[in-house]
Protein backbone atom coordinates (compact mmCIF):
# COMPACT_ATOMS: atom_id res chain seq x y z
CA UNK A 1 -19.55 15.67 1.21
CA UNK A 2 -17.51 15.27 3.41
CA UNK A 3 -15.49 12.24 4.36
CA UNK A 4 -12.92 11.39 7.04
CA UNK A 5 -9.91 9.20 6.98
CA UNK A 6 -11.30 6.83 10.05
CA UNK A 7 -14.47 6.43 8.02
CA UNK A 8 -12.39 5.16 4.69
CA UNK A 9 -10.36 3.27 6.85
CA UNK A 10 -13.32 1.37 8.59
CA UNK A 11 -15.04 1.11 5.55
CA UNK A 12 -12.32 -1.26 4.26
CA UNK A 13 -13.94 -4.93 5.00
CA UNK A 14 -17.23 -3.52 2.89
CA UNK A 15 -14.72 -2.27 0.21
CA UNK A 16 -12.98 -5.33 -0.27
CA UNK A 17 -16.90 -7.39 -0.51
CA UNK A 18 -17.89 -4.96 -2.77
CA UNK A 19 -14.38 -5.46 -5.09
CA UNK A 20 -14.93 -9.24 -4.93
CA UNK A 21 -18.27 -8.50 -6.03
CA UNK A 22 -17.23 -6.39 -9.38
CA UNK A 23 -13.98 -7.90 -10.28
CA UNK A 24 -15.39 -10.58 -12.69
CA UNK A 25 -16.83 -7.32 -14.76
CA UNK A 26 -13.83 -5.25 -14.61
CA UNK A 27 -11.13 -7.83 -15.36
CA UNK A 28 -13.79 -9.49 -18.46
CA UNK A 29 -13.55 -5.98 -19.26
CA UNK A 30 -9.82 -5.73 -19.78
CA UNK A 31 -9.22 -8.71 -20.82
CA UNK A 32 -11.61 -7.81 -23.43
CA UNK A 33 -8.98 -5.03 -24.77
CA UNK A 34 -6.01 -6.68 -23.54
CA UNK A 35 -6.48 -10.09 -23.91
CA UNK A 36 -4.68 -12.70 -21.76
CA UNK A 37 -0.90 -12.68 -22.84
CA UNK A 38 1.53 -14.30 -22.87
CA UNK A 39 3.36 -10.96 -22.24
CA UNK A 40 7.62 -11.06 -21.70
CA UNK A 41 7.44 -8.21 -20.03
CA UNK A 42 4.92 -6.45 -17.45
CA UNK A 43 6.02 -3.12 -15.77
CA UNK A 44 3.62 -1.46 -12.77
CA UNK A 45 3.83 2.77 -12.40
CA UNK A 46 2.77 4.51 -9.81
CA UNK A 47 2.97 7.02 -6.92
CA UNK A 48 2.83 6.81 -2.86
CA UNK A 49 0.12 4.91 -2.20
CA UNK A 50 -0.24 3.23 -5.80
CA UNK A 51 3.19 2.68 -5.74
CA UNK A 52 2.62 0.82 -2.72
CA UNK A 53 0.40 -1.27 -3.74
CA UNK A 54 2.00 -2.18 -7.04
CA UNK A 55 4.74 -3.27 -5.00
CA UNK A 56 2.26 -5.55 -3.04
CA UNK A 57 1.28 -6.85 -6.56
CA UNK A 58 4.32 -7.15 -7.83
CA UNK A 59 5.15 -10.57 -5.37
CA UNK A 60 1.72 -12.03 -6.62
CA UNK A 61 2.83 -11.30 -10.87
CA UNK A 62 6.62 -13.04 -9.91
CA UNK A 63 5.33 -15.61 -8.00
CA UNK A 64 2.38 -17.29 -10.71
CA UNK A 65 3.08 -15.16 -14.73
CA UNK A 66 6.25 -15.98 -15.90
CA UNK A 67 7.75 -13.00 -17.33
CA UNK A 68 9.93 -9.86 -16.16
CA UNK A 69 8.00 -8.00 -13.23
CA UNK A 70 9.13 -4.82 -12.51
CA UNK A 71 7.82 -1.75 -10.31
CA UNK A 72 8.35 2.23 -11.39
CA UNK A 73 8.36 5.59 -10.05
CA UNK A 74 6.76 7.77 -12.65
CA UNK A 75 10.09 9.61 -12.77
CA UNK A 76 12.37 6.49 -12.41
CA UNK A 77 10.21 5.25 -15.68
CA UNK A 78 9.83 8.52 -17.68
CA UNK A 79 13.86 9.39 -17.44
CA UNK A 80 15.87 6.76 -17.30
CA UNK A 81 13.75 3.70 -18.17
CA UNK A 82 15.74 2.39 -21.31
CA UNK A 83 12.08 3.11 -23.51
CA UNK A 84 13.42 1.01 -25.84
CA UNK A 85 12.50 -2.14 -24.42
CA UNK A 86 8.88 -1.32 -24.73
CA UNK A 87 7.03 -2.47 -27.74
CA UNK A 88 3.75 -5.28 -28.02
CA UNK A 89 4.95 -8.20 -25.70
CA UNK A 90 4.88 -5.52 -22.51
CA UNK A 91 1.85 -4.93 -20.21
CA UNK A 92 2.34 -1.70 -18.44
CA UNK A 93 -0.16 -1.05 -15.28
CA UNK A 94 -0.19 2.80 -14.65
CA UNK A 95 -1.67 3.02 -11.00
CA UNK A 96 -3.81 6.44 -9.67
CA UNK A 97 -6.16 5.68 -8.06
CA UNK A 98 -7.93 9.57 -8.57
CA UNK A 99 -6.65 9.18 -12.43
CA UNK A 100 -4.24 12.81 -11.72
CA UNK A 101 -1.21 11.53 -11.35
CA UNK A 102 0.42 13.62 -14.11
CA UNK A 103 3.53 11.93 -13.87
CA UNK A 104 1.54 8.63 -14.34
CA UNK A 105 -0.60 10.02 -16.79
CA UNK A 106 2.65 11.17 -18.46
CA UNK A 107 3.73 7.38 -18.43
CA UNK A 108 0.83 5.94 -20.41
CA UNK A 109 1.05 7.99 -22.77
CA UNK A 110 4.58 7.32 -23.64
CA UNK A 111 3.97 3.31 -23.20
CA UNK A 112 0.96 3.97 -25.96
CA UNK A 113 3.09 5.51 -28.65
CA UNK A 114 6.08 3.04 -28.28
CA UNK A 115 3.28 0.27 -29.06
CA UNK A 116 3.50 -1.03 -25.60
CA UNK A 117 -0.21 -2.31 -24.05
CA UNK A 118 -1.72 -0.37 -21.68
CA UNK A 119 -4.22 -0.72 -18.51
CA UNK A 120 -4.81 2.45 -16.04
CA UNK A 121 -5.50 1.75 -12.97
CA UNK A 122 -7.57 3.52 -10.68
CA UNK A 123 -11.02 4.53 -8.64
CA UNK A 124 -12.27 7.13 -10.43
CA UNK A 125 -12.14 6.29 -14.13
CA UNK A 126 -13.76 9.13 -14.79
CA UNK A 127 -11.52 11.21 -14.40
CA UNK A 128 -10.00 12.12 -17.90
CA UNK A 129 -5.74 10.63 -17.13
CA UNK A 130 -8.24 7.56 -17.53
CA UNK A 131 -8.03 7.91 -21.09
CA UNK A 132 -4.19 7.62 -21.35
CA UNK A 133 -4.14 3.76 -21.45
CA UNK A 134 -6.81 1.69 -23.73
CA UNK A 135 -8.56 -0.06 -21.13
CA UNK A 136 -9.56 0.88 -17.75
CA UNK A 137 -9.57 -1.45 -14.32
CA UNK A 138 -11.81 -0.15 -12.02
CA UNK A 139 -10.49 -0.70 -8.51
CA UNK A 140 -13.91 -0.30 -7.22
CA UNK A 141 -12.91 1.40 -3.71
CA UNK A 142 -15.88 3.98 -3.65
CA UNK A 143 -15.91 7.63 -2.85
CA UNK A 144 -12.72 8.22 -0.81
CA UNK A 145 -12.71 12.05 -1.12
CA UNK A 146 -9.65 12.51 1.36
CA UNK A 147 -5.85 13.15 0.31
CA UNK A 148 -4.56 10.49 2.41
CA UNK A 149 -5.72 6.66 1.34
CA UNK A 150 -6.73 3.90 2.97
CA UNK A 151 -9.24 1.74 1.79
CA UNK A 152 -7.69 2.96 -2.26
CA UNK A 153 -4.51 1.23 -0.83
CA UNK A 154 -6.22 -2.30 0.03
CA UNK A 155 -8.96 -2.47 -2.80
CA UNK A 156 -6.27 -1.51 -5.67
CA UNK A 157 -3.76 -4.74 -4.23
CA UNK A 158 -7.16 -7.50 -4.53
CA UNK A 159 -7.97 -5.93 -7.90
CA UNK A 160 -4.68 -5.79 -9.11
CA UNK A 161 -4.02 -9.68 -7.30
CA UNK A 162 -7.05 -10.60 -8.98
CA UNK A 163 -5.52 -9.74 -12.16
CA UNK A 164 -2.89 -11.24 -11.86
CA UNK A 165 -4.46 -14.72 -11.06
CA UNK A 166 -6.53 -14.27 -14.19
CA UNK A 167 -3.57 -13.68 -16.58
CA UNK A 168 -2.16 -16.91 -14.95
CA UNK A 169 -5.42 -18.68 -14.89
CA UNK A 170 -5.23 -19.10 -11.55
CA UNK A 171 -8.60 -18.66 -8.97
CA UNK A 172 -7.73 -16.56 -5.90
CA UNK A 173 -10.11 -16.68 -3.50
CA UNK A 174 -9.71 -13.30 -1.27
CA UNK A 175 -13.06 -14.17 0.77
CA UNK A 176 -11.88 -14.49 4.15
CA UNK A 177 -10.08 -11.02 3.76
CA UNK A 178 -12.83 -9.01 5.02
CA UNK A 179 -13.25 -10.94 8.32
CA UNK A 180 -9.60 -11.02 8.96
CA UNK A 181 -9.67 -6.91 8.22
CA UNK A 182 -12.73 -7.39 10.78
CA UNK A 183 -10.75 -9.15 13.37
CA UNK A 184 -7.51 -6.97 13.18
CA UNK A 185 -10.23 -3.50 13.73
CA UNK A 186 -11.18 -5.69 16.90
CA UNK A 187 -7.47 -6.49 18.34
CA UNK A 188 -6.30 -2.68 17.63
CA UNK A 189 -9.28 -1.07 19.22
CA UNK A 190 -8.48 -2.33 22.34
CA UNK A 191 -4.65 -0.67 22.43
CA UNK A 192 -5.22 2.75 20.19
CA UNK A 193 -5.57 5.22 22.88
CA UNK A 194 -2.86 4.82 24.41
CA UNK A 195 -0.70 3.90 20.97
CA UNK A 196 -1.62 6.57 19.64
CA UNK A 197 -0.74 9.15 22.62
CA UNK A 198 2.62 7.19 22.70
CA UNK A 199 3.01 8.23 19.00
CA UNK A 200 1.31 12.04 18.99
CA UNK A 201 4.93 12.55 21.16
CA UNK A 202 7.51 10.29 18.91
CA UNK A 203 9.97 12.53 17.31
CA UNK A 204 10.87 9.93 14.74
CA UNK A 205 9.43 6.18 13.96
CA UNK A 206 11.12 3.71 12.33
CA UNK A 207 9.19 0.97 10.53
CA UNK A 208 10.74 -2.63 9.42
CA UNK A 209 8.64 -4.93 7.67
CA UNK A 210 10.44 -6.63 4.51
CA UNK A 211 8.92 -8.82 1.81
CA UNK A 212 5.76 -9.19 1.03
CA UNK A 213 5.28 -7.26 3.83
CA UNK A 214 7.57 -4.60 2.21
CA UNK A 215 4.35 -2.33 0.82
CA UNK A 216 2.37 -2.08 4.47
CA UNK A 217 5.53 -0.86 6.50
CA UNK A 218 6.03 1.64 3.70
CA UNK A 219 2.40 2.57 3.57
CA UNK A 220 2.57 3.02 6.77
CA UNK A 221 5.00 5.14 6.74
CA UNK A 222 3.34 7.18 4.76
CA UNK A 223 0.76 7.22 6.60
CA UNK A 224 2.84 8.43 9.54
CA UNK A 225 4.12 11.29 7.44
CA UNK A 226 1.46 13.14 5.85
CA UNK A 227 -0.48 13.14 9.19
CA UNK A 228 1.71 12.80 11.99
CA UNK A 229 4.45 14.69 9.92
CA UNK A 230 7.47 13.16 11.57
CA UNK A 231 10.82 12.13 10.37
CA UNK A 232 9.89 7.89 8.74
CA UNK A 233 12.15 5.22 7.85
CA UNK A 234 11.30 2.23 6.78
CA UNK A 235 13.84 -0.16 5.86
CA UNK A 236 13.50 -4.60 5.34
CA UNK A 237 15.03 -6.41 8.16
CA UNK A 238 18.15 -7.40 6.93
CA UNK A 239 18.89 -3.14 5.47
CA UNK A 240 18.10 -2.47 9.05
CA UNK A 241 20.94 -5.13 10.61
CA UNK A 242 23.87 -3.03 8.38
CA UNK A 243 23.92 0.19 9.41
CA UNK A 244 20.51 1.68 10.98
CA UNK A 245 20.61 0.23 13.64
CA UNK A 246 23.20 1.98 15.06
CA UNK A 247 20.11 4.57 15.95
CA UNK A 248 19.06 2.41 18.23
CA UNK A 249 18.36 3.52 21.82
CA UNK A 250 15.63 3.73 24.76
CA UNK A 251 13.99 6.35 22.93
CA UNK A 252 13.39 4.62 19.62
CA UNK A 253 10.58 4.02 17.95
CA UNK A 254 10.65 1.40 15.94
CA UNK A 255 7.64 -0.75 14.59
CA UNK A 256 7.97 -4.77 13.33
CA UNK A 257 5.28 -6.09 10.87
CA UNK A 258 6.13 -9.77 10.88
CA UNK A 259 4.06 -12.79 8.67
CA UNK A 260 4.86 -16.41 8.69
CA UNK A 261 6.34 -16.04 5.49
CA UNK A 262 10.55 -16.39 4.66
CA UNK A 263 12.51 -14.53 6.30
CA UNK A 264 10.42 -14.47 10.09
CA UNK A 265 12.67 -15.48 11.77
CA UNK A 266 15.71 -13.10 10.73
CA UNK A 267 12.44 -10.80 12.19
CA UNK A 268 11.95 -12.46 15.25
CA UNK A 269 15.43 -12.03 16.23
CA UNK A 270 15.61 -8.39 16.01
CA UNK A 271 12.39 -7.84 17.71
CA UNK A 272 14.74 -9.53 20.61
CA UNK A 273 17.44 -7.40 19.90
CA UNK A 274 15.43 -4.44 19.63
CA UNK A 275 13.28 -4.60 23.06
CA UNK A 276 16.49 -5.14 24.94
CA UNK A 277 17.84 -1.40 23.93
CA UNK A 278 14.49 0.44 23.37
CA UNK A 279 11.54 1.13 25.85
CA UNK A 280 9.02 1.83 22.63
CA UNK A 281 9.18 -1.35 20.67
CA UNK A 282 5.63 -2.56 18.74
CA UNK A 283 5.53 -5.69 16.83
CA UNK A 284 2.30 -6.54 14.44
CA UNK A 285 1.87 -10.17 13.87
CA UNK A 286 0.80 -13.38 13.34
CA UNK A 287 -0.74 -14.40 17.23
CA UNK A 288 1.76 -17.21 17.69
CA UNK A 289 4.24 -14.70 17.38
CA UNK A 290 3.85 -15.01 20.96
CA UNK A 291 4.89 -18.58 21.43
CA UNK A 292 7.93 -18.63 19.54
CA UNK A 293 10.04 -15.62 21.00
CA UNK A 294 9.32 -13.73 24.25
CA UNK A 295 8.01 -10.57 23.78
CA UNK A 296 7.89 -7.85 26.32
CA UNK A 297 6.93 -5.00 24.03
CA UNK A 298 3.92 -3.79 22.76
CA UNK A 299 2.56 -6.67 20.41
CA UNK A 300 -0.94 -6.71 18.61
CA UNK A 301 -1.55 -10.20 17.40
CA UNK A 302 -3.28 -10.48 13.99
CA UNK A 303 -4.87 -13.70 12.39
CA UNK A 304 -2.56 -16.02 11.34
CA UNK A 305 -2.05 -19.07 8.88
CA UNK A 306 -2.88 -17.65 5.82
CA UNK A 307 -0.83 -17.12 2.44
CA UNK A 308 1.80 -14.31 3.51
CA UNK A 309 0.81 -12.87 0.07
CA UNK A 310 -2.01 -11.97 1.75
CA UNK A 311 -1.10 -10.40 4.77
CA UNK A 312 -0.72 -6.47 3.85
CA UNK A 313 -4.47 -6.66 2.85
CA UNK A 314 -4.88 -6.41 6.15
CA UNK A 315 -1.00 -5.88 8.16
CA UNK A 316 -1.27 -1.91 6.88
CA UNK A 317 -4.93 -1.15 8.98
CA UNK A 318 -2.80 -0.53 12.42
CA UNK A 319 -0.70 1.41 11.33
CA UNK A 320 -3.16 3.89 9.18
CA UNK A 321 -5.52 3.50 12.40
CA UNK A 322 -2.16 5.04 14.66
CA UNK A 323 -1.61 7.81 11.53
CA UNK A 324 -4.37 9.16 12.08
CA UNK A 325 -5.47 9.08 15.97
CA UNK A 326 -1.77 10.28 16.93
CA UNK A 327 -2.57 12.97 14.32
CA UNK A 328 -5.98 13.70 16.49
CA UNK A 329 -3.70 13.37 19.22
CA UNK A 330 -1.56 16.68 17.93
CA UNK A 331 -4.48 18.66 17.56
CA UNK A 332 -4.77 18.25 13.51
CA UNK A 333 -7.05 16.87 11.21
CA UNK A 334 -5.74 13.92 9.29
CA UNK A 335 -7.61 15.31 6.15
CA UNK A 336 -6.15 18.30 6.26
CA UNK A 337 -2.94 18.60 3.62
CA UNK A 338 -0.83 21.19 4.78
CA UNK A 339 -0.66 22.62 1.62
CA UNK A 340 -3.77 22.22 -0.02
CA UNK A 341 -2.39 23.98 -3.24
CA UNK A 342 0.81 22.38 -3.56
CA UNK A 343 -0.54 19.60 -6.50
CA UNK A 344 -1.06 22.87 -8.78
CA UNK A 345 1.86 24.73 -8.00
CA UNK A 346 4.06 21.94 -8.67
CA UNK A 347 2.12 20.47 -11.34
CA UNK A 348 2.50 16.88 -9.82
CA UNK A 349 -1.91 16.46 -10.58
CA UNK A 350 -4.78 17.65 -12.09
CA UNK A 351 -6.63 19.37 -8.88
CA UNK A 352 -9.71 17.91 -8.13
CA UNK A 353 -13.08 19.41 -8.59
CA UNK A 354 -13.33 20.06 -4.88
CA UNK A 355 -10.17 20.82 -3.11
CA UNK A 356 -10.56 17.90 -0.67
CA UNK A 357 -6.89 18.46 0.69
CA UNK A 358 -8.18 21.88 2.29
CA UNK A 359 -10.14 19.47 4.77
């Protein structure tokens, strides 16, 4: 079965609906093994898209649960984390959509040896890596046989949010998310061809999005790197104001992600400055933003009025679509890796039975 990145991307509303149908059973399975805590420490470990999903989920865990919450890459966790801090009051969630990321698997094996409680979060629980933890939280993503994940990102966030809510004894309503996704796709469709043409010629891109949108910004940057293959930098707005702004000039390509959350005023001021100095500013923001500041650059208005915690679930979609179509306009398939044997050579992942990295 051959899939495309765009097919998987456009399936996201239906994928989230499926997550909501299946989540109850998945969460009960995990709770039966792990219990409901309380835990003193909760750590999330992952690479790439899985790391970005963990960064998004951190905001839910931090808001609802009175525990130390940290996100790690496998490298940082394996080689620099003080492992003596791991104990039975520590919960570690290893996230790998394919259950083939060797670093994450090694982290889970280490945590179990140290007595921590462990959950493997994956879309492919049948893969051997999932056995490295005590139990598995299936993200219910469905089949996604492409390297550049899209629906895997949002379904993992949704399932992690729901798990955080369950640990906290809260009810979380995600029923509107698929509709916001559909509305986002409809709005992006009106402008995507023009945008993709522009970004297929860009020499580099800077994406600015912080707080609850940090994960969406980082994931958008990763999609551009995987497909368009140009230098991409990602900052929150405050970090951009401390040094990187010196690179701003008329040919700079800047993308801003702005929701209605904390820090929006700083982002609005930065947009006003940037559009005065660059001809290539794109703002992806809540629909009412244009009423608050004068926007002379390209603006994609997205649904508004929801808890900012939910915005990563659809703010990432325009960046996914832009990366896909800009890659195609450069004459490449987004599904095709530059180095299909990379993970086998470097030992970073167990290879899939069918090497879909070839595209």
